[in-house]
Protein backbone atom coordinates (compact mmCIF):
# COMPACT_ATOMS: atom_id res chain seq x y z
CA MET A 1 0.00 0.00 0.00
CA THR A 2 1.34 3.45 -0.94
CA HIS A 3 1.92 5.78 1.99
CA PRO A 4 -0.47 8.80 2.17
CA ILE A 5 2.47 11.22 1.96
CA TYR A 6 2.73 10.47 -1.77
CA ALA A 7 -0.88 11.51 -2.37
CA ILE A 8 -0.29 14.70 -0.38
CA MET A 9 2.78 15.59 -2.45
CA GLN A 10 1.14 14.81 -5.79
CA SER A 11 -2.15 16.60 -5.09
CA ARG A 12 -0.65 19.83 -3.73
CA ARG A 13 -1.20 22.85 -5.97
CA SER A 14 -0.29 26.53 -5.94
CA ILE A 15 -3.53 28.26 -4.90
CA ARG A 16 -3.84 32.05 -5.17
CA ARG A 17 -7.52 32.62 -4.34
CA TYR A 18 -8.99 31.95 -0.91
CA THR A 19 -12.27 32.17 0.93
CA ASP A 20 -12.75 34.73 3.70
CA GLN A 21 -12.66 32.01 6.37
CA PRO A 22 -9.99 32.88 8.96
CA LEU A 23 -7.32 30.43 9.98
CA PRO A 24 -7.39 29.33 13.63
CA SER A 25 -4.27 30.41 15.49
CA ALA A 26 -3.63 26.83 16.65
CA LEU A 27 -3.61 25.70 13.01
CA VAL A 28 -1.14 28.44 12.04
CA ALA A 29 1.14 27.43 14.90
CA ARG A 30 0.95 23.81 13.77
CA LEU A 31 1.98 24.76 10.23
CA LEU A 32 4.93 26.82 11.42
CA GLU A 33 5.98 24.04 13.77
CA ALA A 34 5.99 21.65 10.80
CA ALA A 35 8.28 24.05 8.95
CA LEU A 36 10.74 23.94 11.85
CA TRP A 37 11.24 20.20 11.40
CA ALA A 38 12.83 20.51 7.97
CA PRO A 39 16.45 19.38 7.63
CA SER A 40 19.05 22.12 7.68
CA ALA A 41 22.77 22.51 7.11
CA HIS A 42 24.67 21.68 10.33
CA ASN A 43 21.19 21.64 11.96
CA ARG A 44 21.60 25.42 12.37
CA GLN A 45 17.96 26.09 11.38
CA PRO A 46 18.60 29.42 9.60
CA TRP A 47 14.91 30.02 8.82
CA ARG A 48 12.91 32.87 10.31
CA PHE A 49 9.18 33.52 9.85
CA ALA A 50 7.14 36.71 9.96
CA ALA A 51 3.47 35.65 10.18
CA LEU A 52 1.19 38.42 8.90
CA SER A 53 -2.08 37.59 10.60
CA THR A 54 -3.66 41.06 10.45
CA PRO A 55 -5.09 42.72 7.32
CA GLU A 56 -3.13 45.87 8.16
CA ALA A 57 0.22 44.06 8.03
CA ARG A 58 -0.61 42.35 4.74
CA GLN A 59 -1.87 45.59 3.18
CA ARG A 60 1.21 47.50 4.33
CA LEU A 61 3.53 44.91 2.82
CA ALA A 62 1.48 44.65 -0.38
CA ALA A 63 1.53 48.42 -0.85
CA ALA A 64 5.28 48.70 -0.26
CA MET A 65 6.09 45.82 -2.60
CA GLY A 66 3.68 47.24 -5.17
CA GLU A 67 5.52 50.56 -5.21
CA ARG A 68 8.83 48.78 -5.75
CA LEU A 69 7.32 46.68 -8.53
CA ARG A 70 5.90 49.79 -10.20
CA ALA A 71 9.30 51.50 -10.08
CA ASP A 72 11.10 48.44 -11.48
CA LEU A 73 8.64 47.94 -14.33
CA THR A 74 8.71 51.65 -15.15
CA ALA A 75 12.51 51.50 -15.35
CA ASP A 76 12.12 48.49 -17.68
CA GLY A 77 10.01 50.61 -20.01
CA ALA A 78 6.86 48.52 -19.59
CA ALA A 79 3.54 49.94 -20.74
CA ALA A 80 1.65 51.90 -18.08
CA ASP A 81 -1.50 49.76 -18.27
CA ALA A 82 0.54 46.55 -17.98
CA ILE A 83 2.37 47.94 -14.96
CA GLU A 84 -0.86 48.79 -13.17
CA ARG A 85 -2.29 45.34 -13.90
CA ASP A 86 0.79 43.68 -12.43
CA VAL A 87 0.82 45.94 -9.37
CA SER A 88 -2.91 45.45 -8.78
CA ARG A 89 -2.62 41.68 -9.12
CA SER A 90 0.30 41.56 -6.71
CA TYR A 91 -1.47 43.75 -4.15
CA SER A 92 -4.62 41.63 -4.33
CA ARG A 93 -2.81 38.33 -3.93
CA ILE A 94 -1.00 39.47 -0.81
CA SER A 95 -3.65 41.61 0.88
CA SER A 96 -6.64 39.31 0.28
CA ALA A 97 -5.07 36.15 1.70
CA PRO A 98 -6.22 35.27 5.24
CA LEU A 99 -2.57 34.70 6.19
CA ALA A 100 0.80 35.51 4.70
CA VAL A 101 4.14 34.27 5.96
CA VAL A 102 7.37 35.98 4.98
CA VAL A 103 10.11 33.38 5.13
CA CYS A 104 13.55 34.77 5.85
CA LEU A 105 17.11 33.54 6.16
CA SER A 106 19.57 34.46 8.89
CA MET A 107 23.27 33.73 8.65
CA VAL A 108 23.84 34.44 12.35
CA ASP A 109 24.23 30.78 13.35
CA MET A 110 25.88 29.55 10.15
CA ASP A 111 29.63 28.97 9.83
CA HIS A 112 31.78 31.88 8.69
CA TYR A 113 34.89 31.48 6.54
CA SER A 114 37.72 33.77 5.52
CA ASP A 115 37.56 32.72 1.86
CA GLU A 116 34.82 33.56 -0.64
CA ARG A 117 34.44 30.02 -2.00
CA ARG A 118 33.45 28.41 1.28
CA GLY A 119 31.44 31.46 2.34
CA ALA A 120 29.38 31.22 -0.84
CA ALA A 121 28.79 27.51 -0.27
CA GLU A 122 27.67 28.15 3.29
CA TYR A 123 25.18 30.77 2.07
CA VAL A 124 23.75 28.37 -0.52
CA MET A 125 23.37 25.72 2.19
CA ALA A 126 21.35 28.20 4.26
CA VAL A 127 19.16 29.06 1.26
CA GLN A 128 18.54 25.37 0.62
CA SER A 129 17.65 24.84 4.28
CA VAL A 130 15.10 27.65 4.18
CA ALA A 131 13.60 26.24 0.98
CA MET A 132 13.11 22.87 2.68
CA ALA A 133 11.29 24.58 5.53
CA VAL A 134 9.01 26.19 2.93
CA GLN A 135 8.26 22.76 1.44
CA ASN A 136 7.33 21.44 4.88
CA LEU A 137 5.01 24.41 5.34
CA LEU A 138 3.35 23.90 1.93
CA LEU A 139 2.82 20.17 2.45
CA ALA A 140 1.48 20.65 5.98
CA ALA A 141 -0.94 23.32 4.73
CA HIS A 142 -2.22 21.01 2.01
CA ALA A 143 -2.59 18.13 4.46
CA GLU A 144 -4.73 20.44 6.64
CA GLY A 145 -7.04 21.24 3.72
CA LEU A 146 -5.57 24.67 3.02
CA GLY A 147 -4.37 26.26 -0.18
CA ALA A 148 -1.02 28.03 -0.38
CA CYS A 149 1.21 29.75 -2.88
CA TRP A 150 4.98 30.24 -2.80
CA MET A 151 5.90 33.71 -4.09
CA CYS A 152 9.56 34.65 -4.55
CA ALA A 153 8.90 38.39 -5.01
CA PRO A 154 10.70 39.34 -1.74
CA LEU A 155 13.98 38.38 -3.42
CA PHE A 156 13.53 41.39 -5.71
CA CYS A 157 12.96 43.86 -2.87
CA PRO A 158 14.37 42.52 0.42
CA ALA A 159 15.04 45.97 1.90
CA VAL A 160 11.46 47.03 1.15
CA VAL A 161 10.06 43.94 2.88
CA ARG A 162 12.36 44.37 5.87
CA ALA A 163 11.39 48.03 6.28
CA ALA A 164 7.64 47.46 5.82
CA LEU A 165 7.59 44.81 8.54
CA ASP A 166 10.34 46.23 10.78
CA LEU A 167 12.28 42.96 10.62
CA PRO A 168 15.62 42.40 12.38
CA THR A 169 18.59 43.44 10.26
CA ASP A 170 19.92 39.87 9.92
CA TRP A 171 16.60 38.59 8.48
CA GLN A 172 16.97 38.26 4.70
CA PRO A 173 13.51 37.89 3.05
CA GLN A 174 13.45 34.89 0.72
CA ALA A 175 9.81 34.12 0.01
CA LEU A 176 6.23 35.06 0.74
CA ILE A 177 3.71 32.28 1.33
CA THR A 178 0.01 33.13 1.12
CA LEU A 179 -2.37 30.72 2.83
CA GLY A 180 -6.09 30.20 3.26
CA TYR A 181 -8.99 27.89 2.53
CA PRO A 182 -8.99 27.45 -1.25
CA ALA A 183 -11.66 29.19 -3.32
CA VAL A 184 -10.55 27.43 -6.51
CA GLU A 185 -9.19 24.08 -7.65
CA ARG A 186 -6.22 23.70 -9.94
CA GLU A 187 -4.81 20.96 -12.10
CA ALA A 188 -1.09 20.44 -12.46
CA THR A 189 1.20 18.30 -14.55
CA ARG A 190 4.80 17.20 -14.33
CA GLN A 191 7.26 16.20 -17.01
CA PRO A 192 7.93 12.44 -17.25
CA LEU A 193 10.56 11.12 -14.86
CA GLU A 194 12.83 9.94 -17.67
CA THR A 195 13.18 13.53 -18.94
CA ARG A 196 14.67 14.67 -15.63
CA VAL A 197 16.80 11.76 -14.41
CA LEU A 198 20.14 10.27 -15.43
CA TRP A 199 20.83 6.78 -14.08
CA ARG A 200 24.48 5.97 -13.50
């Protein structure tokens, strides 16, 4: 018999529209606790989480990120109407979710080296550790009947995110996860295994 974890992994989808139903605080704590149990380099657990449970916090972040997005797209020479569509879509996705979690990385507890090569490797290990915590969070949310979406937009404006949420200076924003009870269903496909694997 196949273990249920396989069904959870294969049925998870990126969901961007949610109902207005709030998430119980005990459920949110359970999801974040699941994220903590991801593997990490040296078991240093470099992840940090800013849980935006109030509409005001989500709106403040969405507005700040929207302004940065508008400035970037304007500098790219994008059409004004396209810029406003992108900014409006971004604002809606963040502000309308019942919960948003900004996932950050801290190098405080990681090893520090005098040479650039090992320092770069250590940083990548921390990034990979944080990404695994995100996967735990996404799978736990799906197992609880929630929808979630992994957004990497904070990578394009980390200082904006840090300022909007008054985060500690060592917290490096990596991702924004929106969560809620799904208002839509989505299909997904994957490329065949043989197109992505080399057997040696």
